[in-house]
Amino acid sequence: MNDMNEIISLIRKDLRGELTPAEAELLNAWAAADPAYAQLMVAVHEEAFLSEELRQYGDTYNDEQSTSRMQAIVQRGLQSAVPAPLPRRWKMGRRWLTAAAVLVLAAGSWWWLQTDTSQPVTPTLTMNEIRPGSNKATLTLANGERVALDSTAGGIIAGSHQVMYADSTLAATNTPTEDDRLLNTLSTPQGGQYKIVLPDGSTVWLNAMTTLRYPTVFAANERVVELEGEAYFEVVHRADAAGHLQGFVVKSKGQEVRVLGTSFNINAYADERKITTTLVSGAVQVRNLYTGGSHRLEPGLRSQVNAELTTVLKADVFSATAWKDGLFSFRDAGVEELMKQLRRWYGVEVSFEGTIPTMSINGEVDRNMPASKVFEVLDYLEIAFRIDNNRIIISNKK
C-alpha cells in the first residue's frame, strides 16, 4: 500500500478507533514495511497530544491547503530511508504541531516535535536573542509619499483612490498626478512579510525583502505588476468589456509570467542565480526575456530562468510555498541557502567561519520562533550556530 490518501485515511481512522479488521491488517502491513513507518505509528499512539492534533487536522481534511500539507508529510514518509536515531526533544507551540500534523520525515532524519499542553508556550528571549520576522512593510505612493504600514492590520486592500487595511480602516489616499498610470510600491524589509489585495481582487503575499509595484487602476486590456523578491499570487479571473478574459502579467528581472486566473509562487531575489516560478493551480506562460523562449507550466511544475536557458522541472509545491504558511522548508539545500533564508527573515547579518561544508539539508522548521530555537531544531547538522552582537555566526562542529 503506497497511496497517500489511503494511508492518511487509515491513520485517522486508527486514532479514532474506527478501523475495520481488514483495514487494521492493511495499516499494520504498511507499518511493518519500514522502521520509519513503524516509529511513526508508535509516536502517534504514545503521544496523546500529537494524536489529538492529527484528529483535529483530519477534521479539516477537505480543506485544500490542509490536504496538500498532510499529503506532503506522508509522501516524504513514503520516500524516506531508514531514519537515523531521533534527536533530543524540544518544546514548540501548538501552531507548528497543527501544521506538521505529527512529525516531519526528511532525508533520513526525523525532527521530533512535542509540546506542553498545560498552557501556551511563550519563548523566553534573552538579551542576545534574535526575534523572528513579522508583518511589516512600507507603501510608497505614486507621489513619493511613504507610509509605514500597521503590523497588526492583517494586510491592505488597494483601491483606485484609497488603500484600506483589512479591518476597513484607512491606510493611505492615492494623490492624483499628471500621469494617470499611478504606480504604488509595496516593500517588505529584512524580517518582514505582508499581504495585499490588488485592485482587481487578486491577492499577493510578499516574503521578506520583496518589492511589488502595481497600478492603482489596471488597464482595460491587461493587468501588469512588477516583482523583485518572492511572492505568492492568487489571481482572480477577470473579463474585459467585451467579455474576454483579461490577462495578468508578473514582470521580474529576466522573465514575464502570463496568467488568466491561477495560484503560483515566484522567487526572484536579486541574489539568486535563477528565477523560479512554481505553479500550484491553473496554468501560466513563462517567457525568458534573455532568450525569448516561452514555456507553459501545468500544476506541479516549476520553471527556472537564467540568462542562458529556461528549465522546466517537477515541483515540490509544499516546499515552495511553505514560507507563506510560516515555515522554513529545505529540499537538498546547501548551507548557503540556509544562510540566505536566515538573513532575509531574521533581518541580521549571517556569516560562516571557516570552510563552508557540502551538505544537503531537508525538512521544515517553524520560522515564527526566535533564532535560537531554530538552531536547536538544526542541531543534528554538522554545523554549529551562535549569536554574537545581533549577528548569526555558523561554523563547523569540532
Protein backbone atom coordinates (compact mmCIF):
# COMPACT_ATOMS: atom_id res chain seq x y z
CA MET A 1 0.00 0.00 0.00
CA ASN A 2 1.60 3.29 -1.07
CA ASP A 3 -1.31 5.62 -1.78
CA MET A 4 -1.03 8.76 0.33
CA ASN A 5 -4.74 9.38 0.67
CA GLU A 6 -5.36 5.80 1.78
CA ILE A 7 -2.59 5.93 4.38
CA ILE A 8 -3.80 9.26 5.79
CA SER A 9 -7.35 7.95 5.96
CA LEU A 10 -6.33 4.78 7.76
CA ILE A 11 -4.17 6.63 10.32
CA ARG A 12 -7.05 8.98 11.07
CA LYS A 13 -9.48 6.10 11.49
CA ASP A 14 -7.00 4.24 13.67
CA LEU A 15 -6.68 7.22 16.02
CA ARG A 16 -10.46 7.41 16.25
CA GLY A 17 -10.85 3.68 16.85
CA GLU A 18 -12.83 3.18 13.63
CA LEU A 19 -10.62 0.68 11.76
CA THR A 20 -12.21 -2.50 10.47
CA PRO A 21 -10.18 -5.72 10.85
CA ALA A 22 -9.29 -5.63 7.17
CA GLU A 23 -8.15 -2.00 7.39
CA ALA A 24 -6.12 -2.74 10.51
CA GLU A 25 -4.34 -5.51 8.64
CA LEU A 26 -3.51 -3.12 5.79
CA LEU A 27 -2.17 -0.46 8.16
CA ASN A 28 -0.12 -2.99 10.14
CA ALA A 29 1.40 -4.29 6.91
CA TRP A 30 2.34 -0.75 5.87
CA ALA A 31 3.92 -0.04 9.28
CA ALA A 32 5.90 -3.28 9.10
CA ALA A 33 7.35 -2.44 5.71
CA ASP A 34 9.83 0.12 7.04
CA PRO A 35 11.12 1.09 10.51
CA ALA A 36 10.29 4.71 9.70
CA TYR A 37 6.60 3.87 9.31
CA ALA A 38 6.62 1.74 12.45
CA GLN A 39 8.13 4.57 14.53
CA LEU A 40 5.52 6.96 13.17
CA MET A 41 2.71 4.68 14.34
CA VAL A 42 4.30 4.25 17.77
CA ALA A 43 4.71 8.02 18.09
CA VAL A 44 1.10 8.94 17.34
CA HIS A 45 -0.21 6.38 19.83
CA GLU A 46 2.23 7.15 22.64
CA GLU A 47 1.84 10.93 22.49
CA ALA A 48 -1.77 11.77 23.33
CA PHE A 49 -1.49 15.39 22.29
CA LEU A 50 0.01 14.56 18.92
CA SER A 51 -2.77 12.10 18.33
CA GLU A 52 -5.35 14.75 19.16
CA GLU A 53 -3.68 17.21 16.80
CA LEU A 54 -3.88 14.68 13.99
CA ARG A 55 -7.54 14.05 14.76
CA GLN A 56 -8.25 17.78 14.58
CA TYR A 57 -6.18 18.09 11.44
CA GLY A 58 -8.20 15.30 9.90
CA ASP A 59 -11.43 17.14 10.66
CA THR A 60 -10.33 19.81 8.17
CA TYR A 61 -9.14 17.26 5.65
CA ASN A 62 -11.44 18.54 2.93
CA ASP A 63 -9.74 21.90 3.07
CA GLU A 64 -7.43 22.09 0.05
CA GLN A 65 -4.48 23.59 1.90
CA SER A 66 -4.70 21.14 4.81
CA THR A 67 -4.93 18.25 2.38
CA SER A 68 -1.84 19.27 0.42
CA ARG A 69 0.20 19.77 3.60
CA MET A 70 -0.81 16.41 5.05
CA GLN A 71 -0.11 14.68 1.74
CA ALA A 72 3.34 16.25 1.57
CA ILE A 73 4.19 14.99 5.05
CA VAL A 74 3.10 11.43 4.36
CA GLN A 75 4.67 11.45 0.89
CA ARG A 76 8.04 12.29 2.43
CA GLY A 77 7.46 9.43 4.85
CA LEU A 78 6.83 7.09 1.93
CA GLN A 79 10.05 8.18 0.28
CA SER A 80 12.27 8.23 3.39
CA ALA A 81 15.06 5.80 4.09
CA VAL A 82 15.57 4.11 7.48
CA PRO A 83 15.81 7.06 9.84
CA ALA A 84 18.74 7.99 12.00
CA PRO A 85 18.26 7.96 15.78
CA LEU A 86 15.86 10.61 16.98
CA PRO A 87 17.45 13.87 18.10
CA ARG A 88 16.57 15.14 21.55
CA ARG A 89 13.12 16.62 22.00
CA TRP A 90 12.23 20.25 22.44
CA LYS A 91 9.12 22.31 23.02
CA MET A 92 7.23 24.32 20.44
CA GLY A 93 3.86 25.98 20.14
CA ARG A 94 0.59 24.35 19.12
CA ARG A 95 0.56 26.17 15.79
CA TRP A 96 3.52 24.22 14.40
CA LEU A 97 2.15 20.90 15.60
CA THR A 98 -1.12 21.56 13.84
CA ALA A 99 0.71 22.47 10.65
CA ALA A 100 3.03 19.48 10.77
CA ALA A 101 0.34 17.07 11.99
CA VAL A 102 2.59 14.55 13.72
CA LEU A 103 6.21 14.91 12.62
CA VAL A 104 8.28 15.58 9.55
CA LEU A 105 10.24 12.81 7.89
CA ALA A 106 13.07 14.09 5.75
CA ALA A 107 16.35 12.77 4.33
CA GLY A 108 16.73 10.05 6.91
CA SER A 109 16.48 12.45 9.87
CA TRP A 110 13.35 12.96 11.96
CA TRP A 111 12.65 16.31 13.56
CA TRP A 112 10.61 15.27 16.59
CA LEU A 113 8.14 17.75 17.99
CA GLN A 114 6.50 17.83 21.43
CA THR A 115 4.71 20.50 23.43
CA ASP A 116 3.47 21.17 26.92
CA THR A 117 -0.32 21.31 26.61
CA SER A 118 -0.98 22.79 30.03
CA GLN A 119 -0.50 26.33 28.77
CA PRO A 120 0.57 28.15 25.58
CA VAL A 121 4.31 28.26 25.06
CA THR A 122 5.80 31.75 25.03
CA PRO A 123 9.50 31.79 24.08
CA THR A 124 11.75 33.40 26.66
CA LEU A 125 14.02 35.87 24.90
CA THR A 126 17.44 36.68 26.25
CA MET A 127 19.22 39.97 25.60
CA ASN A 128 21.24 38.25 22.88
CA GLU A 129 18.22 36.63 21.22
CA ILE A 130 17.15 37.39 17.66
CA ARG A 131 13.42 37.66 17.15
CA PRO A 132 11.71 36.21 14.08
CA GLY A 133 10.29 38.35 11.31
CA SER A 134 6.74 39.68 11.37
CA ASN A 135 4.16 41.60 9.36
CA LYS A 136 5.80 44.87 8.35
CA ALA A 137 6.03 46.79 5.11
CA THR A 138 6.24 50.24 3.57
CA LEU A 139 3.83 51.54 0.93
CA THR A 140 5.29 54.18 -1.39
CA LEU A 141 2.58 56.07 -3.23
CA ALA A 142 2.93 57.37 -6.77
CA ASN A 143 3.61 60.91 -5.48
CA GLY A 144 6.55 59.67 -3.39
CA GLU A 145 4.79 59.66 -0.02
CA ARG A 146 5.91 56.73 2.16
CA VAL A 147 3.55 55.03 4.60
CA ALA A 148 4.79 52.65 7.29
CA LEU A 149 2.01 50.06 7.37
CA ASP A 150 0.37 48.74 10.51
CA SER A 151 1.83 45.38 11.52
CA THR A 152 -1.39 44.23 13.19
CA ALA A 153 -3.89 45.05 10.45
CA GLY A 154 -3.62 41.78 8.52
CA GLY A 155 -2.72 43.35 5.17
CA ILE A 156 -4.04 46.05 2.86
CA ILE A 157 -6.72 46.30 0.18
CA ALA A 158 -5.70 48.51 -2.76
CA GLY A 159 -8.28 50.72 -4.43
CA SER A 160 -8.11 53.36 -7.10
CA HIS A 161 -8.44 56.25 -4.63
CA GLN A 162 -7.76 54.75 -1.23
CA VAL A 163 -5.75 51.98 0.36
CA MET A 164 -7.57 50.32 3.23
CA TYR A 165 -6.42 47.91 5.90
CA ALA A 166 -8.12 44.54 6.10
CA ASP A 167 -10.05 45.81 9.14
CA SER A 168 -11.57 48.58 6.94
CA THR A 169 -9.54 51.44 8.42
CA LEU A 170 -7.76 53.88 6.10
CA ALA A 171 -4.10 53.23 5.34
CA ALA A 172 -3.42 55.83 2.62
CA THR A 173 -5.00 58.01 -0.04
CA ASN A 174 -3.75 57.94 -3.62
CA THR A 175 -2.97 61.52 -4.65
CA PRO A 176 -3.62 62.21 -8.36
CA THR A 177 -0.62 63.16 -10.51
CA GLU A 178 -0.21 64.34 -14.07
CA ASP A 179 0.35 60.72 -15.08
CA ASP A 180 -2.89 58.72 -14.97
CA ARG A 181 -0.93 55.46 -14.69
CA LEU A 182 -0.24 55.68 -10.98
CA LEU A 183 2.16 53.05 -9.66
CA ASN A 184 2.30 52.27 -5.97
CA THR A 185 5.13 50.23 -4.46
CA LEU A 186 4.76 47.81 -1.57
CA SER A 187 8.07 46.78 0.02
CA THR A 188 8.96 44.43 2.85
CA PRO A 189 12.30 44.77 4.65
CA GLN A 190 14.52 42.06 6.05
CA GLY A 191 12.40 40.26 8.61
CA GLY A 192 9.13 41.43 7.08
CA GLN A 193 6.17 39.95 5.24
CA TYR A 194 2.85 41.39 4.12
CA LYS A 195 -0.34 40.69 2.18
CA ILE A 196 -2.12 42.87 -0.35
CA VAL A 197 -5.39 42.54 -2.23
CA LEU A 198 -4.87 44.26 -5.59
CA PRO A 199 -7.47 46.49 -7.28
CA ASP A 200 -8.79 43.52 -9.31
CA GLY A 201 -9.30 41.34 -6.23
CA SER A 202 -6.18 39.21 -6.71
CA THR A 203 -4.21 38.50 -3.53
CA VAL A 204 -0.43 38.61 -3.16
CA TRP A 205 1.65 37.50 -0.18
CA LEU A 206 5.10 39.13 -0.04
CA ASN A 207 8.03 37.37 1.61
CA ALA A 208 10.89 39.26 3.26
CA MET A 209 13.00 41.69 1.20
CA THR A 210 10.41 41.87 -1.57
CA THR A 211 9.10 44.73 -3.69
CA LEU A 212 5.82 44.72 -5.63
CA ARG A 213 4.88 47.56 -7.97
CA TYR A 214 1.23 47.74 -9.02
CA PRO A 215 -1.09 50.30 -10.68
CA THR A 216 -3.89 51.88 -8.71
CA VAL A 217 -6.13 51.08 -11.69
CA PHE A 218 -5.39 48.22 -14.06
CA ALA A 219 -5.51 48.84 -17.81
CA ALA A 220 -8.57 47.69 -19.71
CA ASN A 221 -6.76 45.01 -21.71
CA GLU A 222 -4.16 43.65 -19.29
CA ARG A 223 -3.16 43.60 -15.63
CA VAL A 224 0.58 44.09 -15.08
CA VAL A 225 2.64 44.12 -11.87
CA GLU A 226 6.40 44.07 -11.24
CA LEU A 227 8.14 41.89 -8.66
CA GLU A 228 11.56 41.68 -7.08
CA GLY A 229 11.99 39.14 -4.32
CA GLU A 230 9.48 36.39 -3.56
CA ALA A 231 5.69 36.40 -3.59
CA TYR A 232 2.77 34.02 -3.77
CA PHE A 233 -0.08 35.03 -6.11
CA GLU A 234 -3.73 34.04 -6.19
CA VAL A 235 -5.01 35.66 -9.38
CA VAL A 236 -8.74 36.05 -9.98
CA HIS A 237 -10.43 35.65 -13.36
CA ARG A 238 -11.46 38.96 -14.86
CA ALA A 239 -13.21 39.79 -18.13
CA ASP A 240 -12.90 42.98 -20.17
CA ALA A 241 -15.83 44.99 -21.55
CA ALA A 242 -16.16 42.59 -24.48
CA GLY A 243 -16.31 39.57 -22.21
CA HIS A 244 -12.79 38.34 -22.98
CA LEU A 245 -10.67 37.04 -20.13
CA GLN A 246 -8.11 39.65 -19.14
CA GLY A 247 -4.52 38.50 -18.73
CA PHE A 248 -2.37 39.07 -15.65
CA VAL A 249 1.38 39.59 -16.11
CA VAL A 250 4.10 39.47 -13.46
CA LYS A 251 7.35 41.07 -14.64
CA SER A 252 10.61 40.16 -12.91
CA LYS A 253 14.20 40.68 -13.92
CA GLY A 254 14.69 38.35 -16.85
CA GLN A 255 11.18 36.88 -17.13
CA GLU A 256 7.48 37.51 -17.61
CA VAL A 257 4.78 35.22 -16.23
CA ARG A 258 1.42 35.50 -18.00
CA VAL A 259 -1.74 34.03 -16.45
CA LEU A 260 -5.53 34.28 -16.55
CA GLY A 261 -6.54 33.03 -13.12
CA THR A 262 -4.33 30.78 -11.05
CA SER A 263 -2.10 30.34 -7.98
CA PHE A 264 1.68 30.36 -8.19
CA ASN A 265 4.88 31.33 -6.39
CA ILE A 266 7.74 33.37 -7.86
CA ASN A 267 11.21 33.54 -6.28
CA ALA A 268 13.04 36.38 -8.00
CA TYR A 269 15.52 37.65 -5.43
CA ALA A 270 18.39 39.68 -6.84
CA ASP A 271 20.99 37.44 -5.15
CA GLU A 272 19.64 34.23 -6.74
CA ARG A 273 21.26 32.86 -9.90
CA LYS A 274 17.87 31.95 -11.37
CA ILE A 275 14.23 32.93 -11.12
CA THR A 276 11.97 30.09 -10.01
CA THR A 277 8.25 30.00 -10.74
CA THR A 278 6.17 27.23 -9.15
CA LEU A 279 2.63 26.61 -10.34
CA VAL A 280 0.07 25.49 -7.77
CA SER A 281 -3.11 25.59 -9.87
CA GLY A 282 -4.29 26.77 -13.28
CA ALA A 283 -1.73 27.45 -16.00
CA VAL A 284 0.92 30.07 -16.70
CA GLN A 285 3.16 31.01 -19.60
CA VAL A 286 6.75 31.82 -18.57
CA ARG A 287 8.76 33.92 -21.00
CA ASN A 288 12.53 34.18 -20.71
CA LEU A 289 13.38 37.78 -21.60
CA TYR A 290 17.03 36.87 -22.17
CA THR A 291 16.47 34.11 -24.73
CA GLY A 292 12.96 34.93 -25.92
CA GLY A 293 11.83 31.38 -25.23
CA SER A 294 8.42 30.67 -23.73
CA HIS A 295 7.21 27.67 -21.72
CA ARG A 296 3.77 26.71 -20.45
CA LEU A 297 3.57 25.32 -16.92
CA GLU A 298 0.98 22.91 -15.63
CA PRO A 299 0.22 22.46 -11.90
CA GLY A 300 3.04 20.74 -10.07
CA LEU A 301 5.77 22.07 -12.37
CA ARG A 302 8.36 24.79 -11.85
CA SER A 303 10.49 26.80 -14.24
CA GLN A 304 13.99 28.10 -13.64
CA VAL A 305 15.05 31.06 -15.76
CA ASN A 306 18.54 32.46 -16.21
CA ALA A 307 20.37 34.31 -18.98
CA GLU A 308 21.18 31.11 -20.89
CA LEU A 309 18.06 28.96 -20.76
CA THR A 310 14.76 28.01 -19.14
CA THR A 311 14.46 24.67 -17.39
CA VAL A 312 11.10 23.07 -16.53
CA LEU A 313 11.13 20.56 -13.68
CA LYS A 314 8.75 18.75 -11.34
CA ALA A 315 8.00 20.97 -8.34
CA ASP A 316 7.64 20.36 -4.64
CA VAL A 317 4.71 22.74 -4.25
CA PHE A 318 4.54 22.29 -0.47
CA SER A 319 8.16 23.32 -0.04
CA ALA A 320 8.00 26.23 -2.49
CA THR A 321 5.02 27.81 -0.75
CA ALA A 322 5.76 26.82 2.87
CA TRP A 323 7.05 30.30 3.74
CA LYS A 324 3.52 31.68 3.26
CA ASP A 325 2.30 29.29 5.96
CA GLY A 326 5.03 30.20 8.44
CA LEU A 327 7.64 27.55 7.68
CA PHE A 328 11.22 27.35 6.54
CA SER A 329 11.32 24.47 4.06
CA PHE A 330 14.54 22.90 2.78
CA ARG A 331 14.93 20.38 -0.04
CA ASP A 332 18.52 19.29 -0.61
CA ALA A 333 19.52 22.80 0.40
CA GLY A 334 23.14 23.75 0.96
CA VAL A 335 24.47 25.86 3.81
CA GLU A 336 24.45 28.95 1.58
CA GLU A 337 20.68 28.59 1.03
CA LEU A 338 20.15 28.20 4.77
CA MET A 339 22.17 31.38 5.38
CA LYS A 340 20.11 33.33 2.82
CA GLN A 341 16.82 32.34 4.41
CA LEU A 342 18.03 33.18 7.92
CA ARG A 343 19.37 36.56 6.78
CA ARG A 344 16.17 37.52 4.97
CA TRP A 345 13.78 36.51 7.74
CA TYR A 346 15.68 37.49 10.88
CA GLY A 347 16.99 40.71 9.35
CA VAL A 348 20.58 40.30 10.54
CA GLU A 349 23.99 39.56 9.11
CA VAL A 350 24.72 35.83 8.73
CA SER A 351 28.30 34.67 8.22
CA PHE A 352 30.24 31.41 8.17
CA GLU A 353 33.56 30.90 9.94
CA GLY A 354 35.89 28.56 8.11
CA THR A 355 35.22 26.48 5.01
CA ILE A 356 31.55 26.01 4.17
CA PRO A 357 30.87 22.25 4.06
CA THR A 358 28.92 20.44 1.37
CA MET A 359 25.70 19.01 2.78
CA SER A 360 22.02 18.54 1.98
CA ILE A 361 19.52 19.99 4.42
CA ASN A 362 15.95 18.69 4.30
CA GLY A 363 12.82 19.35 6.31
CA GLU A 364 10.57 22.04 7.76
CA VAL A 365 11.09 24.41 10.69
CA ASP A 366 8.63 26.89 12.19
CA ARG A 367 10.00 30.29 11.23
CA ASN A 368 7.95 32.15 13.84
CA MET A 369 10.39 31.11 16.57
CA PRO A 370 13.38 33.04 17.90
CA ALA A 371 16.57 32.18 16.06
CA SER A 372 17.98 30.13 18.94
CA LYS A 373 15.00 27.74 18.78
CA VAL A 374 15.60 27.20 15.07
CA PHE A 375 19.22 26.37 15.89
CA GLU A 376 18.00 23.71 18.32
CA VAL A 377 15.96 22.13 15.55
CA LEU A 378 19.00 22.10 13.27
CA ASP A 379 21.33 20.73 15.94
CA TYR A 380 21.58 17.38 14.14
CA LEU A 381 23.60 19.04 11.36
CA GLU A 382 27.41 19.02 11.45
CA ILE A 383 27.45 22.79 11.83
CA ALA A 384 27.17 24.98 14.92
CA PHE A 385 25.28 28.24 15.41
CA ARG A 386 25.83 31.14 17.76
CA ILE A 387 24.59 34.70 18.15
CA ASP A 388 27.12 37.50 18.58
CA ASN A 389 26.10 41.17 18.72
CA ASN A 390 22.91 40.63 16.73
CA ARG A 391 24.73 38.52 14.17
CA ILE A 392 24.29 34.84 13.36
CA ILE A 393 27.61 33.04 13.04
CA ILE A 394 27.76 29.49 11.66
CA SER A 395 30.80 27.23 11.86
CA ASN A 396 31.80 23.60 11.54
CA LYS A 397 31.35 21.48 14.64
CA LYS A 398 34.65 20.50 16.22
